[in-house]
Amino acid sequence: MGIFSRLFGRKKEEQQSETSETLNENVLQEDSADTANENASTESRTKYHWVNTDTGFPIDEIFVLVRANYEKRGYDDAMRNPDGNYMKAGSAKIISELMARINQVTLIYEKFLSDVNVQIQILEEQGLLDMKKTLMSKQLLYEKHLVRLKEMKEMAEKRDSEMMGMVQSYERGFQSGIIEGVNVLLNNKDYEQKGFDN
């Protein structure tokens, strides 16, 4: 598929490119007291407020991953091995997966920008200014998404709570698994009877 097909083929993406400022703000908004309302959740008082997004852009992959619930994975790991070091290893693996995904999506945007820049130059040489403006709008949007990705990577590296939702859910699940394992042991009458039999 040619570059023009990718860039102009879908009406939805054209509309999104024309409203890049609005779209970017819908992806990741900075909270302020002025935007707070009576339905605001606790997380709206943090530096960043994650917003439900379905923009069709690669950056969505990161938001989906950050919001993912890993409680079952943590629970299952605890039932296999309740050792605290096992939980730490599981948490580290999740963070590693997040960093790898951020790097992958960053590369995708860099490729997008490279393609767009080449086409902008071609359109400029041909004097096709209207099409050039459309591509420049996309260029601006991709650049802003790259900035957001860089911010999210830095936040993940610092273990910022806004990027650690999946780790927190994993550790909750792990603790639930430990509790369940203890309850099974306490309620196992056969296990207690074996102690007397020995």
N, C-alpha and C. Protein backbone atom coordinates (compact mmCIF):
# COMPACT_ATOMS: atom_id res chain seq x y z
N MET A 1 0.86 -1.19 0.00
CA MET A 1 0.00 0.00 0.00
C MET A 1 0.89 1.24 0.00
N GLY A 2 0.63 2.22 -0.92
CA GLY A 2 1.45 3.41 -1.03
C GLY A 2 1.26 4.36 0.13
N ILE A 3 2.17 5.30 0.20
CA ILE A 3 2.12 6.26 1.32
C ILE A 3 0.86 7.10 1.28
N PHE A 4 0.40 7.49 0.05
CA PHE A 4 -0.81 8.31 -0.04
C PHE A 4 -2.04 7.52 0.38
N SER A 5 -2.04 6.20 0.07
CA SER A 5 -3.17 5.37 0.50
C SER A 5 -3.23 5.30 2.01
N ARG A 6 -2.05 5.18 2.64
CA ARG A 6 -2.04 5.09 4.10
C ARG A 6 -2.44 6.40 4.75
N LEU A 7 -2.02 7.50 4.14
CA LEU A 7 -2.23 8.81 4.76
C LEU A 7 -3.59 9.41 4.44
N PHE A 8 -4.16 9.05 3.27
CA PHE A 8 -5.41 9.68 2.86
C PHE A 8 -6.54 8.67 2.66
N GLY A 9 -6.26 7.39 2.89
CA GLY A 9 -7.23 6.35 2.56
C GLY A 9 -8.45 6.31 3.44
N ARG A 10 -8.33 6.76 4.68
CA ARG A 10 -9.47 6.63 5.60
C ARG A 10 -9.98 7.99 6.02
N LYS A 11 -11.25 8.18 5.81
CA LYS A 11 -11.88 9.46 6.14
C LYS A 11 -11.75 9.78 7.61
N LYS A 12 -11.83 8.75 8.44
CA LYS A 12 -11.77 8.96 9.89
C LYS A 12 -10.44 9.57 10.28
N GLU A 13 -9.35 9.08 9.69
CA GLU A 13 -8.03 9.60 10.04
C GLU A 13 -7.86 11.02 9.54
N GLU A 14 -8.50 11.35 8.39
CA GLU A 14 -8.42 12.73 7.91
C GLU A 14 -9.08 13.68 8.89
N GLN A 15 -10.23 13.27 9.39
CA GLN A 15 -10.92 14.11 10.36
C GLN A 15 -10.11 14.26 11.62
N GLN A 16 -9.45 13.18 12.03
CA GLN A 16 -8.64 13.25 13.25
C GLN A 16 -7.44 14.16 13.04
N SER A 17 -6.85 14.13 11.84
CA SER A 17 -5.68 14.97 11.60
C SER A 17 -6.03 16.44 11.60
N GLU A 18 -7.28 16.77 11.19
CA GLU A 18 -7.69 18.16 11.15
C GLU A 18 -7.98 18.71 12.55
N THR A 19 -8.14 17.82 13.48
CA THR A 19 -8.41 18.27 14.86
C THR A 19 -7.34 17.72 15.79
N SER A 20 -6.09 17.83 15.37
CA SER A 20 -5.00 17.22 16.12
C SER A 20 -4.86 17.75 17.52
N GLU A 21 -5.10 19.03 17.73
CA GLU A 21 -4.97 19.59 19.07
C GLU A 21 -5.98 18.95 20.02
N THR A 22 -7.23 18.84 19.56
CA THR A 22 -8.27 18.24 20.39
C THR A 22 -7.97 16.79 20.67
N LEU A 23 -7.55 16.04 19.65
CA LEU A 23 -7.26 14.63 19.80
C LEU A 23 -6.14 14.43 20.80
N ASN A 24 -5.10 15.21 20.67
CA ASN A 24 -3.96 15.05 21.57
C ASN A 24 -4.36 15.28 23.01
N GLU A 25 -5.22 16.25 23.24
CA GLU A 25 -5.65 16.54 24.61
C GLU A 25 -6.54 15.42 25.14
N ASN A 26 -7.25 14.72 24.22
CA ASN A 26 -8.10 13.61 24.65
C ASN A 26 -7.29 12.38 25.00
N VAL A 27 -6.07 12.27 24.49
CA VAL A 27 -5.24 11.12 24.78
C VAL A 27 -4.66 11.19 26.17
N LEU A 28 -4.12 12.34 26.53
CA LEU A 28 -3.52 12.48 27.86
C LEU A 28 -3.70 13.91 28.30
N GLN A 29 -4.53 14.17 29.31
CA GLN A 29 -4.85 15.52 29.74
C GLN A 29 -4.14 15.83 31.03
N GLU A 30 -3.65 17.07 31.14
CA GLU A 30 -3.13 17.52 32.41
C GLU A 30 -4.29 18.03 33.24
N ASP A 31 -4.36 17.53 34.49
CA ASP A 31 -5.44 17.93 35.37
C ASP A 31 -5.20 19.33 35.90
N SER A 32 -6.27 20.00 36.20
CA SER A 32 -6.20 21.29 36.87
C SER A 32 -7.45 21.45 37.70
N ALA A 33 -7.39 22.36 38.64
CA ALA A 33 -8.54 22.57 39.52
C ALA A 33 -9.74 23.06 38.73
N ASP A 34 -9.50 23.76 37.63
CA ASP A 34 -10.59 24.31 36.84
C ASP A 34 -11.42 23.22 36.16
N THR A 35 -10.79 22.07 35.87
CA THR A 35 -11.51 21.02 35.15
C THR A 35 -12.11 19.98 36.09
N ALA A 36 -11.84 20.10 37.36
CA ALA A 36 -12.40 19.15 38.33
C ALA A 36 -13.90 19.36 38.45
N ASN A 37 -14.63 18.28 38.70
CA ASN A 37 -16.06 18.39 38.92
C ASN A 37 -16.47 17.38 39.99
N GLU A 38 -17.73 17.38 40.32
CA GLU A 38 -18.18 16.57 41.44
C GLU A 38 -18.07 15.08 41.18
N ASN A 39 -17.92 14.67 39.90
CA ASN A 39 -17.78 13.26 39.59
C ASN A 39 -16.33 12.84 39.44
N ALA A 40 -15.38 13.73 39.69
CA ALA A 40 -13.96 13.42 39.50
C ALA A 40 -13.54 12.32 40.46
N SER A 41 -12.72 11.41 39.97
CA SER A 41 -12.23 10.32 40.79
C SER A 41 -10.96 10.74 41.50
N THR A 42 -10.45 9.85 42.35
CA THR A 42 -9.22 10.16 43.08
C THR A 42 -8.07 10.41 42.14
N GLU A 43 -7.99 9.66 41.02
CA GLU A 43 -6.85 9.81 40.13
C GLU A 43 -6.85 11.16 39.42
N SER A 44 -7.96 11.88 39.40
CA SER A 44 -7.99 13.18 38.75
C SER A 44 -7.21 14.22 39.52
N ARG A 45 -6.79 13.88 40.74
CA ARG A 45 -6.01 14.83 41.52
C ARG A 45 -4.52 14.60 41.34
N THR A 46 -4.15 13.63 40.51
CA THR A 46 -2.75 13.39 40.25
C THR A 46 -2.28 14.27 39.10
N LYS A 47 -0.97 14.21 38.80
CA LYS A 47 -0.41 15.07 37.75
C LYS A 47 -1.07 14.82 36.40
N TYR A 48 -1.25 13.56 36.07
CA TYR A 48 -1.87 13.21 34.80
C TYR A 48 -3.15 12.43 35.04
N HIS A 49 -4.09 12.60 34.15
CA HIS A 49 -5.36 11.88 34.25
C HIS A 49 -5.52 11.05 32.99
N TRP A 50 -5.47 9.73 33.13
CA TRP A 50 -5.62 8.87 31.97
C TRP A 50 -7.06 8.90 31.49
N VAL A 51 -7.23 9.05 30.20
CA VAL A 51 -8.56 9.20 29.63
C VAL A 51 -8.86 8.01 28.74
N ASN A 52 -10.11 7.56 28.76
CA ASN A 52 -10.53 6.48 27.88
C ASN A 52 -10.33 6.92 26.43
N THR A 53 -9.54 6.18 25.66
CA THR A 53 -9.27 6.58 24.29
C THR A 53 -9.54 5.43 23.33
N ASP A 54 -9.97 5.78 22.14
CA ASP A 54 -10.12 4.82 21.06
C ASP A 54 -9.87 5.58 19.76
N THR A 55 -8.67 6.11 19.64
CA THR A 55 -8.36 6.99 18.52
C THR A 55 -7.92 6.24 17.28
N GLY A 56 -7.52 4.98 17.43
CA GLY A 56 -7.03 4.24 16.29
C GLY A 56 -5.56 4.48 16.01
N PHE A 57 -4.88 5.21 16.88
CA PHE A 57 -3.45 5.47 16.71
C PHE A 57 -2.63 4.50 17.55
N PRO A 58 -1.38 4.25 17.16
CA PRO A 58 -0.54 3.28 17.89
C PRO A 58 -0.38 3.58 19.37
N ILE A 59 -0.42 4.85 19.77
CA ILE A 59 -0.23 5.20 21.17
C ILE A 59 -1.30 4.57 22.06
N ASP A 60 -2.45 4.22 21.47
CA ASP A 60 -3.51 3.57 22.24
C ASP A 60 -3.02 2.27 22.87
N GLU A 61 -2.08 1.60 22.20
CA GLU A 61 -1.56 0.34 22.72
C GLU A 61 -0.98 0.52 24.12
N ILE A 62 -0.34 1.65 24.36
CA ILE A 62 0.27 1.90 25.66
C ILE A 62 -0.80 2.12 26.71
N PHE A 63 -1.83 2.88 26.37
CA PHE A 63 -2.90 3.15 27.33
C PHE A 63 -3.64 1.86 27.69
N VAL A 64 -3.85 0.99 26.70
CA VAL A 64 -4.51 -0.28 26.96
C VAL A 64 -3.66 -1.11 27.92
N LEU A 65 -2.35 -1.14 27.68
CA LEU A 65 -1.46 -1.93 28.53
C LEU A 65 -1.41 -1.39 29.95
N VAL A 66 -1.33 -0.07 30.08
CA VAL A 66 -1.24 0.55 31.41
C VAL A 66 -2.51 0.28 32.21
N ARG A 67 -3.66 0.22 31.54
CA ARG A 67 -4.92 0.01 32.24
C ARG A 67 -5.26 -1.46 32.44
N ALA A 68 -4.43 -2.35 31.88
CA ALA A 68 -4.74 -3.78 31.93
C ALA A 68 -4.76 -4.30 33.37
N ASN A 69 -5.64 -5.27 33.61
CA ASN A 69 -5.77 -5.88 34.93
C ASN A 69 -4.98 -7.18 34.96
N TYR A 70 -3.96 -7.22 35.82
CA TYR A 70 -3.08 -8.38 35.93
C TYR A 70 -3.33 -9.17 37.21
N GLU A 71 -4.49 -8.97 37.84
CA GLU A 71 -4.75 -9.65 39.11
C GLU A 71 -4.75 -11.17 38.96
N LYS A 72 -5.37 -11.67 37.91
CA LYS A 72 -5.42 -13.13 37.73
C LYS A 72 -4.02 -13.69 37.53
N ARG A 73 -3.20 -12.97 36.78
CA ARG A 73 -1.83 -13.43 36.57
C ARG A 73 -1.07 -13.48 37.89
N GLY A 74 -1.25 -12.45 38.72
CA GLY A 74 -0.61 -12.43 40.03
C GLY A 74 -1.12 -13.55 40.92
N TYR A 75 -2.43 -13.75 40.91
CA TYR A 75 -3.06 -14.81 41.71
C TYR A 75 -2.50 -16.18 41.32
N ASP A 76 -2.46 -16.44 40.00
CA ASP A 76 -1.96 -17.74 39.52
C ASP A 76 -0.49 -17.94 39.89
N ASP A 77 0.31 -16.87 39.79
CA ASP A 77 1.72 -16.97 40.15
C ASP A 77 1.89 -17.29 41.63
N ALA A 78 1.08 -16.67 42.48
CA ALA A 78 1.17 -16.91 43.92
C ALA A 78 0.78 -18.35 44.25
N MET A 79 -0.18 -18.91 43.54
CA MET A 79 -0.59 -20.29 43.79
C MET A 79 0.51 -21.26 43.37
N ARG A 80 1.33 -20.84 42.39
CA ARG A 80 2.46 -21.68 41.97
C ARG A 80 3.64 -21.53 42.92
N ASN A 81 3.92 -20.28 43.31
CA ASN A 81 5.07 -20.01 44.18
C ASN A 81 4.80 -18.73 44.95
N PRO A 82 4.50 -18.82 46.26
CA PRO A 82 4.14 -17.63 47.04
C PRO A 82 5.33 -16.81 47.54
N ASP A 83 6.53 -17.19 47.13
CA ASP A 83 7.72 -16.48 47.60
C ASP A 83 7.72 -15.02 47.11
N GLY A 84 8.12 -14.10 48.01
CA GLY A 84 8.12 -12.68 47.67
C GLY A 84 9.03 -12.35 46.50
N ASN A 85 10.14 -13.06 46.36
CA ASN A 85 11.05 -12.82 45.24
C ASN A 85 10.41 -13.19 43.90
N TYR A 86 9.53 -14.18 43.96
CA TYR A 86 8.81 -14.58 42.74
C TYR A 86 7.88 -13.46 42.30
N MET A 87 7.23 -12.80 43.28
CA MET A 87 6.36 -11.67 42.97
C MET A 87 7.17 -10.52 42.37
N LYS A 88 8.34 -10.24 42.95
CA LYS A 88 9.19 -9.16 42.43
C LYS A 88 9.61 -9.45 40.99
N ALA A 89 9.94 -10.70 40.73
CA ALA A 89 10.33 -11.08 39.37
C ALA A 89 9.16 -10.91 38.40
N GLY A 90 7.96 -11.26 38.86
CA GLY A 90 6.77 -11.09 38.02
C GLY A 90 6.49 -9.63 37.73
N SER A 91 6.65 -8.78 38.73
CA SER A 91 6.43 -7.34 38.55
C SER A 91 7.46 -6.77 37.58
N ALA A 92 8.72 -7.19 37.73
CA ALA A 92 9.78 -6.71 36.85
C ALA A 92 9.52 -7.12 35.40
N LYS A 93 8.96 -8.31 35.21
CA LYS A 93 8.66 -8.78 33.86
C LYS A 93 7.58 -7.92 33.21
N ILE A 94 6.57 -7.53 34.00
CA ILE A 94 5.51 -6.69 33.46
C ILE A 94 6.05 -5.33 33.04
N ILE A 95 6.92 -4.75 33.88
CA ILE A 95 7.52 -3.46 33.55
C ILE A 95 8.37 -3.58 32.28
N SER A 96 9.10 -4.68 32.17
CA SER A 96 9.92 -4.92 30.97
C SER A 96 9.05 -5.00 29.72
N GLU A 97 7.89 -5.65 29.84
CA GLU A 97 6.96 -5.74 28.71
C GLU A 97 6.44 -4.36 28.32
N LEU A 98 6.17 -3.54 29.32
CA LEU A 98 5.70 -2.17 29.06
C LEU A 98 6.76 -1.37 28.33
N MET A 99 8.00 -1.43 28.80
CA MET A 99 9.09 -0.67 28.18
C MET A 99 9.31 -1.11 26.73
N ALA A 100 9.23 -2.43 26.52
CA ALA A 100 9.40 -2.95 25.16
C ALA A 100 8.30 -2.44 24.24
N ARG A 101 7.06 -2.39 24.76
CA ARG A 101 5.95 -1.90 23.95
C ARG A 101 6.10 -0.41 23.64
N ILE A 102 6.54 0.37 24.62
CA ILE A 102 6.74 1.80 24.38
C ILE A 102 7.80 2.00 23.30
N ASN A 103 8.89 1.24 23.38
CA ASN A 103 9.96 1.35 22.36
C ASN A 103 9.43 0.96 20.98
N GLN A 104 8.61 -0.07 20.94
CA GLN A 104 8.05 -0.53 19.67
C GLN A 104 7.15 0.54 19.05
N VAL A 105 6.26 1.11 19.85
CA VAL A 105 5.35 2.14 19.35
C VAL A 105 6.12 3.40 18.94
N THR A 106 7.18 3.72 19.67
CA THR A 106 8.02 4.87 19.32
C THR A 106 8.62 4.68 17.93
N LEU A 107 9.10 3.49 17.64
CA LEU A 107 9.67 3.21 16.32
C LEU A 107 8.63 3.36 15.21
N ILE A 108 7.40 2.95 15.52
CA ILE A 108 6.32 3.09 14.53
C ILE A 108 6.09 4.57 14.20
N TYR A 109 6.03 5.41 15.22
CA TYR A 109 5.84 6.84 14.99
C TYR A 109 7.01 7.46 14.25
N GLU A 110 8.21 7.03 14.57
CA GLU A 110 9.38 7.56 13.86
C GLU A 110 9.32 7.22 12.39
N LYS A 111 8.83 6.02 12.07
CA LYS A 111 8.66 5.62 10.67
C LYS A 111 7.57 6.47 10.01
N PHE A 112 6.44 6.69 10.73
CA PHE A 112 5.39 7.56 10.22
C PHE A 112 5.95 8.93 9.86
N LEU A 113 6.71 9.50 10.79
CA LEU A 113 7.26 10.85 10.57
C LEU A 113 8.22 10.88 9.40
N SER A 114 9.01 9.85 9.28
CA SER A 114 9.95 9.79 8.15
C SER A 114 9.21 9.79 6.82
N ASP A 115 8.15 8.98 6.73
CA ASP A 115 7.35 8.92 5.50
C ASP A 115 6.67 10.26 5.21
N VAL A 116 6.10 10.85 6.25
CA VAL A 116 5.40 12.12 6.08
C VAL A 116 6.35 13.23 5.64
N ASN A 117 7.52 13.27 6.24
CA ASN A 117 8.48 14.31 5.89
C ASN A 117 8.91 14.23 4.43
N VAL A 118 9.08 13.00 3.96
CA VAL A 118 9.45 12.82 2.55
C VAL A 118 8.33 13.32 1.64
N GLN A 119 7.10 12.99 1.97
CA GLN A 119 5.97 13.40 1.14
C GLN A 119 5.73 14.91 1.21
N ILE A 120 5.97 15.51 2.36
CA ILE A 120 5.83 16.97 2.48
C ILE A 120 6.81 17.65 1.54
N GLN A 121 8.02 17.14 1.50
CA GLN A 121 9.03 17.72 0.61
C GLN A 121 8.62 17.59 -0.86
N ILE A 122 8.07 16.42 -1.22
CA ILE A 122 7.62 16.21 -2.60
C ILE A 122 6.48 17.17 -2.95
N LEU A 123 5.50 17.30 -2.05
CA LEU A 123 4.37 18.18 -2.29
C LEU A 123 4.82 19.64 -2.39
N GLU A 124 5.79 20.00 -1.59
CA GLU A 124 6.30 21.37 -1.62
C GLU A 124 6.95 21.66 -2.97
N GLU A 125 7.70 20.69 -3.46
CA GLU A 125 8.36 20.86 -4.76
C GLU A 125 7.35 20.96 -5.90
N GLN A 126 6.20 20.28 -5.73
CA GLN A 126 5.17 20.28 -6.77
C GLN A 126 4.16 21.41 -6.60
N GLY A 127 4.29 22.16 -5.52
CA GLY A 127 3.39 23.28 -5.29
C GLY A 127 1.99 22.88 -4.85
N LEU A 128 1.85 21.66 -4.32
CA LEU A 128 0.54 21.18 -3.86
C LEU A 128 0.37 21.56 -2.39
N LEU A 129 0.05 22.82 -2.16
CA LEU A 129 0.07 23.36 -0.81
C LEU A 129 -1.07 22.85 0.07
N ASP A 130 -2.26 22.62 -0.51
CA ASP A 130 -3.38 22.13 0.30
C ASP A 130 -3.08 20.75 0.89
N MET A 131 -2.56 19.87 0.06
CA MET A 131 -2.21 18.54 0.54
C MET A 131 -1.07 18.62 1.53
N LYS A 132 -0.18 19.56 1.31
CA LYS A 132 0.95 19.74 2.22
C LYS A 132 0.44 20.13 3.61
N LYS A 133 -0.57 20.98 3.66
CA LYS A 133 -1.12 21.40 4.96
C LYS A 133 -1.70 20.20 5.72
N THR A 134 -2.38 19.32 4.98
CA THR A 134 -2.95 18.14 5.62
C THR A 134 -1.86 17.25 6.22
N LEU A 135 -0.80 17.07 5.44
CA LEU A 135 0.31 16.25 5.93
C LEU A 135 1.03 16.92 7.11
N MET A 136 1.12 18.22 7.08
CA MET A 136 1.77 18.94 8.18
C MET A 136 0.96 18.81 9.46
N SER A 137 -0.34 18.71 9.32
CA SER A 137 -1.20 18.49 10.48
C SER A 137 -0.91 17.12 11.09
N LYS A 138 -0.77 16.11 10.21
CA LYS A 138 -0.41 14.78 10.69
C LYS A 138 0.98 14.79 11.32
N GLN A 139 1.88 15.50 10.69
CA GLN A 139 3.24 15.60 11.21
C GLN A 139 3.24 16.15 12.64
N LEU A 140 2.45 17.19 12.87
CA LEU A 140 2.36 17.80 14.20
C LEU A 140 1.79 16.79 15.20
N LEU A 141 0.75 16.07 14.79
CA LEU A 141 0.14 15.09 15.68
C LEU A 141 1.13 13.99 16.05
N TYR A 142 1.85 13.46 15.06
CA TYR A 142 2.81 12.40 15.34
C TYR A 142 3.91 12.90 16.27
N GLU A 143 4.35 14.12 16.07
CA GLU A 143 5.40 14.68 16.93
C GLU A 143 4.92 14.80 18.37
N LYS A 144 3.66 15.20 18.54
CA LYS A 144 3.11 15.32 19.89
C LYS A 144 2.95 13.95 20.55
N HIS A 145 2.57 12.97 19.76
CA HIS A 145 2.47 11.62 20.31
C HIS A 145 3.84 11.10 20.73
N LEU A 146 4.86 11.44 19.96
CA LEU A 146 6.22 11.04 20.33
C LEU A 146 6.65 11.68 21.64
N VAL A 147 6.27 12.93 21.84
CA VAL A 147 6.57 13.61 23.10
C VAL A 147 5.88 12.89 24.25
N ARG A 148 4.62 12.51 24.05
CA ARG A 148 3.88 11.78 25.08
C ARG A 148 4.54 10.45 25.39
N LEU A 149 4.99 9.76 24.35
CA LEU A 149 5.65 8.47 24.55
C LEU A 149 6.93 8.63 25.35
N LYS A 150 7.67 9.68 25.07
CA LYS A 150 8.89 9.94 25.83
C LYS A 150 8.57 10.20 27.30
N GLU A 151 7.50 10.97 27.54
CA GLU A 151 7.09 11.25 28.92
C GLU A 151 6.69 9.96 29.64
N MET A 152 5.92 9.11 28.94
CA MET A 152 5.47 7.87 29.55
C MET A 152 6.64 6.94 29.84
N LYS A 153 7.62 6.91 28.95
CA LYS A 153 8.79 6.07 29.19
C LYS A 153 9.56 6.55 30.42
N GLU A 154 9.73 7.87 30.54
CA GLU A 154 10.42 8.41 31.70
C GLU A 154 9.65 8.11 32.98
N MET A 155 8.31 8.21 32.92
CA MET A 155 7.48 7.91 34.08
C MET A 155 7.60 6.43 34.46
N ALA A 156 7.64 5.56 33.46
CA ALA A 156 7.78 4.13 33.74
C ALA A 156 9.13 3.82 34.35
N GLU A 157 10.17 4.47 33.84
CA GLU A 157 11.51 4.26 34.38
C GLU A 157 11.60 4.69 35.85
N LYS A 158 10.84 5.72 36.20
CA LYS A 158 10.83 6.22 37.57
C LYS A 158 9.80 5.49 38.44
N ARG A 159 9.11 4.50 37.85
CA ARG A 159 8.07 3.74 38.53
C ARG A 159 6.96 4.67 39.03
N ASP A 160 6.64 5.69 38.23
CA ASP A 160 5.55 6.60 38.57
C ASP A 160 4.25 5.80 38.67
N SER A 161 3.47 6.09 39.69
CA SER A 161 2.24 5.32 39.93
C SER A 161 1.28 5.37 38.76
N GLU A 162 1.30 6.44 37.98
CA GLU A 162 0.40 6.56 36.83
C GLU A 162 0.68 5.51 35.75
N MET A 163 1.92 4.98 35.74
CA MET A 163 2.29 3.98 34.75
C MET A 163 2.37 2.58 35.34
N MET A 164 2.08 2.45 36.62
CA MET A 164 2.27 1.18 37.30
C MET A 164 0.96 0.48 37.65
N GLY A 165 -0.15 0.88 37.01
CA GLY A 165 -1.43 0.28 37.33
C GLY A 165 -1.44 -1.23 37.15
N MET A 166 -0.81 -1.72 36.07
CA MET A 166 -0.81 -3.16 35.83
C MET A 166 0.04 -3.90 36.85
N VAL A 167 1.12 -3.25 37.31
CA VAL A 167 1.96 -3.86 38.35
C VAL A 167 1.21 -3.92 39.68
N GLN A 168 0.51 -2.84 39.99
CA GLN A 168 -0.26 -2.81 41.23
C GLN A 168 -1.35 -3.88 41.23
N SER A 169 -2.01 -4.06 40.08
CA SER A 169 -3.05 -5.09 40.02
C SER A 169 -2.43 -6.48 40.12
N TYR A 170 -1.26 -6.66 39.54
CA TYR A 170 -0.56 -7.95 39.63
C TYR A 170 -0.23 -8.27 41.08
N GLU A 171 0.29 -7.29 41.80
CA GLU A 171 0.68 -7.52 43.20
C GLU A 171 -0.54 -7.74 44.08
N ARG A 172 -1.66 -7.07 43.78
CA ARG A 172 -2.90 -7.35 44.51
C ARG A 172 -3.33 -8.80 44.29
N GLY A 173 -3.27 -9.23 43.05
CA GLY A 173 -3.63 -10.61 42.74
C GLY A 173 -2.71 -11.60 43.42
N PHE A 174 -1.42 -11.27 43.47
CA PHE A 174 -0.45 -12.15 44.11
C PHE A 174 -0.77 -12.30 45.60
N GLN A 175 -1.07 -11.18 46.25
CA GLN A 175 -1.41 -11.21 47.67
C GLN A 175 -2.70 -12.00 47.90
N SER A 176 -3.66 -11.86 46.99
CA SER A 176 -4.90 -12.64 47.10
C SER A 176 -4.61 -14.13 46.99
N GLY A 177 -3.67 -14.47 46.11
CA GLY A 177 -3.29 -15.87 45.94
C GLY A 177 -2.64 -16.43 47.20
N ILE A 178 -1.80 -15.61 47.84
CA ILE A 178 -1.17 -16.05 49.09
C ILE A 178 -2.23 -16.31 50.16
N ILE A 179 -3.17 -15.38 50.29
CA ILE A 179 -4.24 -15.51 51.28
C ILE A 179 -5.07 -16.76 51.00
N GLU A 180 -5.37 -16.99 49.74
CA GLU A 180 -6.16 -18.17 49.37
C GLU A 180 -5.40 -19.45 49.72
N GLY A 181 -4.09 -19.46 49.45
CA GLY A 181 -3.29 -20.63 49.77
C GLY A 181 -3.28 -20.92 51.26
N VAL A 182 -3.18 -19.86 52.07
CA VAL A 182 -3.22 -20.04 53.53
C VAL A 182 -4.57 -20.55 53.97
N ASN A 183 -5.64 -20.01 53.41
CA ASN A 183 -6.99 -20.45 53.78
C ASN A 183 -7.22 -21.91 53.44
N VAL A 184 -6.72 -22.33 52.30
CA VAL A 184 -6.85 -23.74 51.91
C VAL A 184 -6.14 -24.62 52.93
N LEU A 185 -4.95 -24.19 53.35
CA LEU A 185 -4.19 -24.96 54.33
C LEU A 185 -4.92 -25.02 55.67
N LEU A 186 -5.45 -23.88 56.12
CA LEU A 186 -6.13 -23.83 57.41
C LEU A 186 -7.40 -24.67 57.43
N ASN A 187 -8.06 -24.76 56.29
CA ASN A 187 -9.33 -25.48 56.22
C ASN A 187 -9.18 -26.93 55.78
N ASN A 188 -7.95 -27.37 55.64
CA ASN A 188 -7.69 -28.73 55.17
C ASN A 188 -7.61 -29.67 56.38
N LYS A 189 -8.71 -30.29 56.74
CA LYS A 189 -8.77 -31.18 57.89
C LYS A 189 -7.92 -32.43 57.67
N ASP A 190 -7.86 -32.89 56.42
CA ASP A 190 -7.05 -34.07 56.12
C ASP A 190 -5.59 -33.81 56.44
N TYR A 191 -5.13 -32.57 56.14
CA TYR A 191 -3.73 -32.21 56.42
C TYR A 191 -3.47 -32.29 57.92
N GLU A 192 -4.41 -31.77 58.73
CA GLU A 192 -4.24 -31.80 60.18
C GLU A 192 -4.25 -33.24 60.69
N GLN A 193 -5.11 -34.08 60.15
CA GLN A 193 -5.22 -35.46 60.59
C GLN A 193 -3.92 -36.22 60.29
N LYS A 194 -3.29 -35.92 59.16
CA LYS A 194 -2.03 -36.57 58.81
C LYS A 194 -0.96 -36.28 59.85
N GLY A 195 -1.03 -35.07 60.44
CA GLY A 195 -0.07 -34.72 61.48
C GLY A 195 -0.20 -35.64 62.67
N PHE A 196 -1.41 -36.05 63.06
CA PHE A 196 -1.63 -36.96 64.17
C PHE A 196 -1.22 -38.37 63.78
N ASP A 197 -1.48 -38.72 62.51
CA ASP A 197 -1.16 -40.06 62.07
C ASP A 197 0.34 -40.34 62.10
N ASN A 198 1.13 -39.28 61.87
CA ASN A 198 2.56 -39.44 61.90
C ASN A 198 3.05 -39.62 63.35
